[in-house]
Amino acid sequence: MRVLFWGTSAFAVPSLRALSGEGFEVVGVVTQPDRAVGRSRSRLVAPPLKEAALEEGCTPILQPEKPRGPEFLEELRALEPDISVVISYGHILRKEIIDLPAMGTINVHASLLPALRGAAPIQAAIRDGFVETGVSVMRMVLALDAGPVILQARTPIAEDETYGELHLRLSEVGALALIEALTLIGLGKAEEEPQAESRATYATKIDRAATRVNWSDGCGAVARHIRAYDPTPGAVTTLNGGDVKLFGAVAVEDITGEPGEVLRVDSDAVVVACDAGAVGFTDVQPAGKKRMTAGDWGRGRGIKPGDRLA
């Protein structure tokens, strides 16, 4: 089976490596352009998927600014793919792109559809207190994450699991599910189940406002909120007018105070009161500084008991 692979982020990397290892013929990789980084914007950084494609010898690598236009379409036709696989690519594909391969286009999405369609399903699952999530391999259609589901793989969410940990784990689960789905498609045994639109929910793209901590929530909700954005982009609070990112959160139910009040500054954690209970966090990143332990922050007089986070 000749596979055209689309993706950008690290979430797609295990799937590309799995395809190469299982003997599928990757006829090309489509990813986003290299981006300038740093204060001077003078250094170009390749997407994680491009680096993996080069390591696996998957060429050609196409990097259009936007995946459209007659010339780009002809480049894809020349690759003669049997099927396209799209994982965390970051652009909406037009119908002529989706329909180009003889077997169409499939997508690996990090939720149990129709729950949590959209850009940030892993963060939403942790933040909203899901005890289970997974990946869905679906037929791609023009509507957002709405195509019929070919296969799903389920996994529990640990009580203390962060976005970074669950992201990594689901990327591996997704790779295994992709191989199984492609095998079923190749054998003509894939069964496609339409999604129930009445049960669809959405996980929208994360902006800075979404990451801000609300200390008036209960300790469980606040701890989940911090873990949902750990390690990136980081849950944000404010101390003395400056923003601080928080990491490594644990709910503490047997202590109380005014929401946002710093109750303890220990060698291994800072404990802050919520509406009910408190939350301890192990690491911080004040604005303009590197990430540090909460203990170092306290020893450096960055925070003390009685301070108020907002």
Protein backbone atom coordinates (compact mmCIF):
# COMPACT_ATOMS: atom_id res chain seq x y z
CA MET A 1 0.00 0.00 0.00
CA ARG A 2 1.42 3.37 -1.08
CA VAL A 3 0.89 5.91 1.71
CA LEU A 4 1.12 9.71 1.49
CA PHE A 5 1.71 10.95 5.06
CA TRP A 6 0.62 14.37 6.35
CA GLY A 7 1.60 15.84 9.72
CA THR A 8 3.67 18.39 11.59
CA SER A 9 3.91 17.84 15.35
CA ALA A 10 5.69 15.21 17.41
CA PHE A 11 2.35 13.41 17.84
CA ALA A 12 2.63 12.15 14.25
CA VAL A 13 6.20 10.85 14.53
CA PRO A 14 5.52 7.38 16.06
CA SER A 15 2.97 6.68 13.32
CA LEU A 16 5.43 7.53 10.55
CA ARG A 17 8.07 5.33 12.14
CA ALA A 18 5.54 2.51 12.54
CA LEU A 19 4.59 2.67 8.87
CA SER A 20 8.22 2.40 7.85
CA GLY A 21 8.81 -0.49 10.24
CA GLU A 22 5.74 -2.45 9.10
CA GLY A 23 6.65 -2.39 5.44
CA PHE A 24 4.17 0.18 4.15
CA GLU A 25 5.54 2.25 1.27
CA VAL A 26 5.60 5.92 2.30
CA VAL A 27 5.69 7.67 -1.08
CA GLY A 28 5.95 11.17 0.37
CA VAL A 29 5.54 13.35 3.46
CA VAL A 30 3.65 16.65 3.58
CA THR A 31 4.45 18.94 6.51
CA GLN A 32 4.57 22.65 7.27
CA PRO A 33 7.51 24.90 6.34
CA ASP A 34 10.53 25.41 8.58
CA ARG A 35 9.91 28.34 10.94
CA ALA A 36 12.22 31.15 12.08
CA VAL A 37 12.80 31.20 15.84
CA GLY A 38 14.74 33.30 18.34
CA ARG A 39 14.72 37.00 18.99
CA SER A 40 16.44 37.81 15.72
CA ARG A 41 14.33 35.26 13.81
CA SER A 42 17.54 34.17 12.11
CA ARG A 43 17.44 30.43 12.90
CA LEU A 44 15.15 28.06 11.02
CA VAL A 45 13.70 25.05 12.86
CA ALA A 46 12.17 22.12 11.01
CA PRO A 47 8.87 20.55 12.13
CA PRO A 48 9.38 17.37 14.20
CA LEU A 49 7.83 15.26 11.45
CA LYS A 50 10.32 16.52 8.86
CA GLU A 51 13.22 15.49 11.07
CA ALA A 52 11.70 12.02 11.52
CA ALA A 53 11.04 11.69 7.79
CA LEU A 54 14.67 12.46 7.00
CA GLU A 55 15.82 9.88 9.56
CA GLU A 56 13.50 7.25 8.07
CA GLY A 57 14.43 8.11 4.48
CA CYS A 58 10.83 9.05 3.63
CA THR A 59 11.04 11.35 0.62
CA PRO A 60 10.05 13.56 -1.04
CA ILE A 61 9.17 15.99 1.76
CA LEU A 62 6.74 18.69 0.64
CA GLN A 63 6.40 21.86 2.75
CA PRO A 64 3.76 24.14 1.20
CA GLU A 65 2.72 27.26 3.10
CA LYS A 66 -0.84 26.29 2.20
CA PRO A 67 -1.82 22.86 0.77
CA ARG A 68 -3.63 24.07 -2.31
CA GLY A 69 -3.22 25.14 -5.91
CA PRO A 70 -2.90 23.25 -9.22
CA GLU A 71 0.88 22.85 -9.04
CA PHE A 72 0.75 21.30 -5.57
CA LEU A 73 -2.08 19.02 -6.67
CA GLU A 74 0.01 17.79 -9.59
CA GLU A 75 2.93 17.07 -7.24
CA LEU A 76 0.63 14.87 -5.18
CA ARG A 77 -0.78 13.05 -8.22
CA ALA A 78 2.74 12.27 -9.41
CA LEU A 79 3.36 10.35 -6.15
CA GLU A 80 0.46 7.99 -7.00
CA PRO A 81 -0.62 7.30 -3.41
CA ASP A 82 -3.17 4.59 -2.64
CA ILE A 83 -4.20 6.38 0.56
CA SER A 84 -3.39 9.53 2.56
CA VAL A 85 -2.85 9.51 6.33
CA VAL A 86 -3.27 12.83 8.16
CA ILE A 87 -2.14 13.27 11.78
CA SER A 88 -1.87 16.66 13.47
CA TYR A 89 -1.14 18.54 10.25
CA GLY A 90 -2.65 21.91 11.19
CA HIS A 91 -4.41 22.84 7.93
CA ILE A 92 -7.90 22.03 6.62
CA LEU A 93 -7.67 20.00 3.42
CA ARG A 94 -9.88 20.67 0.42
CA LYS A 95 -12.07 18.01 -1.18
CA GLU A 96 -9.80 17.50 -4.17
CA ILE A 97 -6.93 16.71 -1.80
CA ILE A 98 -9.00 14.37 0.39
CA ASP A 99 -10.36 12.48 -2.62
CA LEU A 100 -7.08 12.27 -4.59
CA PRO A 101 -5.89 8.78 -3.47
CA ALA A 102 -7.91 5.78 -4.69
CA MET A 103 -8.61 4.74 -1.07
CA GLY A 104 -9.24 8.27 0.12
CA THR A 105 -7.83 9.92 3.25
CA ILE A 106 -7.90 8.81 6.88
CA ASN A 107 -7.07 10.72 10.06
CA VAL A 108 -5.83 9.75 13.53
CA HIS A 109 -7.46 11.93 16.20
CA ALA A 110 -6.58 11.92 19.91
CA SER A 111 -10.02 11.37 21.42
CA LEU A 112 -12.87 8.87 21.42
CA LEU A 113 -15.02 10.55 18.78
CA PRO A 114 -17.52 12.11 18.64
CA ALA A 115 -16.25 13.48 21.97
CA LEU A 116 -13.67 16.27 21.83
CA ARG A 117 -13.46 17.08 18.15
CA GLY A 118 -11.05 19.91 17.37
CA ALA A 119 -7.54 21.15 18.05
CA ALA A 120 -6.88 20.35 21.72
CA PRO A 121 -8.56 17.07 22.76
CA ILE A 122 -5.76 15.84 25.05
CA GLN A 123 -5.69 19.02 27.13
CA ALA A 124 -9.49 19.06 27.34
CA ALA A 125 -9.69 15.44 28.49
CA ILE A 126 -7.37 16.14 31.44
CA ARG A 127 -8.84 19.55 32.30
CA ASP A 128 -12.43 18.27 32.22
CA GLY A 129 -11.74 15.28 34.44
CA PHE A 130 -12.12 12.44 31.94
CA VAL A 131 -11.09 9.07 33.37
CA GLU A 132 -10.68 7.54 29.91
CA THR A 133 -9.66 8.73 26.46
CA GLY A 134 -8.04 7.20 23.40
CA VAL A 135 -7.56 7.61 19.67
CA SER A 136 -9.94 7.34 16.74
CA VAL A 137 -8.97 6.43 13.19
CA MET A 138 -11.61 7.93 10.92
CA ARG A 139 -12.38 8.59 7.29
CA MET A 140 -11.64 12.26 6.61
CA VAL A 141 -14.51 14.45 5.37
CA LEU A 142 -14.84 18.21 4.92
CA ALA A 143 -16.53 18.74 8.31
CA LEU A 144 -14.21 18.97 11.34
CA ASP A 145 -13.38 15.50 12.72
CA ALA A 146 -16.84 14.29 11.65
CA GLY A 147 -16.06 11.35 9.38
CA PRO A 148 -17.05 7.74 10.04
CA VAL A 149 -14.84 5.92 12.54
CA ILE A 150 -12.88 2.89 11.35
CA LEU A 151 -11.24 1.94 14.64
CA GLN A 152 -10.85 3.23 18.22
CA ALA A 153 -8.33 2.39 20.93
CA ARG A 154 -9.12 3.25 24.57
CA THR A 155 -6.83 4.03 27.50
CA PRO A 156 -7.38 5.27 31.07
CA ILE A 157 -6.09 8.65 32.23
CA ALA A 158 -4.00 8.45 35.41
CA GLU A 159 -4.97 10.79 38.26
CA ASP A 160 -1.66 12.66 38.11
CA GLU A 161 -1.06 12.47 34.35
CA THR A 162 0.10 15.64 32.60
CA TYR A 163 -0.60 16.75 29.04
CA GLY A 164 2.98 15.93 28.04
CA GLU A 165 2.77 12.40 29.44
CA LEU A 166 -0.62 11.63 27.91
CA HIS A 167 0.38 13.20 24.58
CA LEU A 168 3.38 10.88 24.34
CA ARG A 169 1.37 7.82 25.35
CA LEU A 170 -1.47 8.53 22.92
CA SER A 171 0.98 9.06 20.07
CA GLU A 172 2.15 5.47 20.57
CA VAL A 173 -1.41 4.17 20.91
CA GLY A 174 -2.28 6.02 17.70
CA ALA A 175 0.60 4.43 15.81
CA LEU A 176 -0.61 0.93 16.68
CA ALA A 177 -4.21 1.84 15.82
CA LEU A 178 -3.12 3.26 12.46
CA ILE A 179 -1.30 0.07 11.47
CA GLU A 180 -4.34 -2.01 12.42
CA ALA A 181 -6.71 0.26 10.50
CA LEU A 182 -4.58 0.28 7.35
CA THR A 183 -4.31 -3.51 7.52
CA LEU A 184 -8.10 -3.82 7.73
CA ILE A 185 -8.52 -1.39 4.82
CA GLY A 186 -5.99 -3.32 2.74
CA LEU A 187 -7.86 -6.58 3.40
CA GLY A 188 -11.21 -5.01 2.61
CA LYS A 189 -12.44 -5.73 6.17
CA ALA A 190 -12.67 -2.20 7.57
CA GLU A 191 -16.09 -1.28 8.98
CA GLU A 192 -16.85 2.45 9.09
CA GLU A 193 -19.25 3.59 11.83
CA PRO A 194 -20.94 6.99 11.36
CA GLN A 195 -20.55 9.36 14.31
CA ALA A 196 -23.57 10.36 16.40
CA GLU A 197 -23.79 14.11 15.82
CA SER A 198 -26.01 14.53 18.88
CA ARG A 199 -23.11 13.42 21.12
CA ALA A 200 -20.41 15.59 19.52
CA THR A 201 -18.37 17.89 21.77
CA TYR A 202 -15.50 20.21 20.88
CA ALA A 203 -12.04 21.02 22.22
CA THR A 204 -11.11 24.40 20.78
CA LYS A 205 -7.62 25.73 20.13
CA ILE A 206 -5.75 26.82 23.27
CA ASP A 207 -5.21 30.55 23.72
CA ARG A 208 -3.54 32.36 26.62
CA ALA A 209 -6.83 33.19 28.31
CA ALA A 210 -7.71 29.48 28.48
CA THR A 211 -4.56 28.68 30.44
CA ARG A 212 -5.20 31.14 33.29
CA VAL A 213 -5.78 29.51 36.68
CA ASN A 214 -9.03 30.27 38.52
CA TRP A 215 -8.25 29.86 42.23
CA SER A 216 -11.98 30.08 43.01
CA ASP A 217 -12.40 26.57 41.60
CA GLY A 218 -12.00 23.49 43.80
CA CYS A 219 -8.57 21.95 44.30
CA GLY A 220 -9.27 19.02 41.96
CA ALA A 221 -10.30 21.30 39.09
CA VAL A 222 -7.30 23.61 39.61
CA ALA A 223 -4.85 20.70 39.73
CA ARG A 224 -6.31 19.22 36.53
CA HIS A 225 -6.15 22.64 34.86
CA ILE A 226 -2.43 22.96 35.63
CA ARG A 227 -1.69 19.39 34.48
CA ALA A 228 -3.65 19.98 31.25
CA TYR A 229 -1.08 22.60 30.14
CA ASP A 230 2.05 20.94 31.57
CA PRO A 231 4.67 21.27 30.10
CA THR A 232 3.33 23.47 27.31
CA PRO A 233 2.06 26.15 27.08
CA GLY A 234 1.94 26.23 30.91
CA ALA A 235 -0.95 27.24 33.17
CA VAL A 236 -0.65 30.93 34.08
CA THR A 237 -1.28 32.85 37.30
CA THR A 238 -0.22 36.33 38.48
CA LEU A 239 1.90 37.37 41.46
CA ASN A 240 2.52 41.06 42.18
CA GLY A 241 1.54 42.01 38.63
CA GLY A 242 3.83 39.48 36.91
CA ASP A 243 2.76 36.26 35.22
CA VAL A 244 4.02 32.89 36.47
CA LYS A 245 3.59 29.48 34.84
CA LEU A 246 2.90 26.51 37.13
CA PHE A 247 3.81 22.82 36.75
CA GLY A 248 3.62 19.56 38.68
CA ALA A 249 0.27 20.11 40.41
CA VAL A 250 -1.26 17.91 43.12
CA ALA A 251 -4.56 18.48 44.93
CA VAL A 252 -4.32 18.88 48.72
CA GLU A 253 -7.73 18.42 50.32
CA ASP A 254 -6.93 18.75 54.04
CA ILE A 255 -5.92 22.42 54.12
CA THR A 256 -7.94 25.59 53.52
CA GLY A 257 -7.52 29.32 53.05
CA GLU A 258 -8.68 32.22 50.90
CA PRO A 259 -8.60 31.37 47.15
CA GLY A 260 -5.17 32.28 45.77
CA GLU A 261 -3.54 32.62 49.21
CA VAL A 262 -0.04 31.11 49.50
CA LEU A 263 -0.29 28.78 52.50
CA ARG A 264 3.14 27.12 52.50
CA VAL A 265 6.46 27.42 50.73
CA ASP A 266 8.28 24.13 51.25
CA SER A 267 11.55 22.81 49.88
CA ASP A 268 9.70 20.75 47.28
CA ALA A 269 6.42 22.60 46.67
CA VAL A 270 4.37 25.77 47.02
CA VAL A 271 0.85 25.21 48.37
CA VAL A 272 -1.92 27.65 47.39
CA ALA A 273 -5.52 27.70 48.62
CA CYS A 274 -8.46 27.15 46.28
CA ASP A 275 -12.19 27.54 46.90
CA ALA A 276 -12.11 24.08 48.49
CA GLY A 277 -8.78 22.59 49.54
CA ALA A 278 -5.48 23.65 48.03
CA VAL A 279 -3.01 22.79 45.26
CA GLY A 280 0.70 22.15 45.58
CA PHE A 281 2.96 22.67 42.56
CA THR A 282 6.59 21.61 42.21
CA ASP A 283 7.92 23.87 39.44
CA VAL A 284 7.39 27.43 38.21
CA GLN A 285 8.49 29.75 35.44
CA PRO A 286 8.23 33.46 36.28
CA ALA A 287 7.99 35.78 33.27
CA GLY A 288 11.37 36.32 31.63
CA LYS A 289 13.07 33.52 33.58
CA LYS A 290 13.83 29.85 33.13
CA ARG A 291 11.77 27.10 34.70
CA MET A 292 12.85 26.38 38.30
CA THR A 293 11.72 24.33 41.27
CA ALA A 294 9.20 25.87 43.61
CA GLY A 295 11.73 25.44 46.43
CA ASP A 296 14.33 27.52 44.58
CA TRP A 297 11.69 30.14 43.87
CA GLY A 298 10.93 30.41 47.59
CA ARG A 299 14.59 30.45 48.63
CA GLY A 300 15.18 33.24 46.14
CA ARG A 301 12.39 35.21 47.84
CA GLY A 302 10.20 35.07 44.77
CA ILE A 303 7.24 33.98 46.89
CA LYS A 304 6.33 33.65 50.58
CA PRO A 305 3.37 32.55 52.74
CA GLY A 306 0.64 35.16 52.75
CA ASP A 307 1.25 36.25 49.15
CA ARG A 308 -1.83 36.20 46.90
CA LEU A 309 -1.97 34.66 43.41
CA ALA A 310 -4.61 35.91 40.98
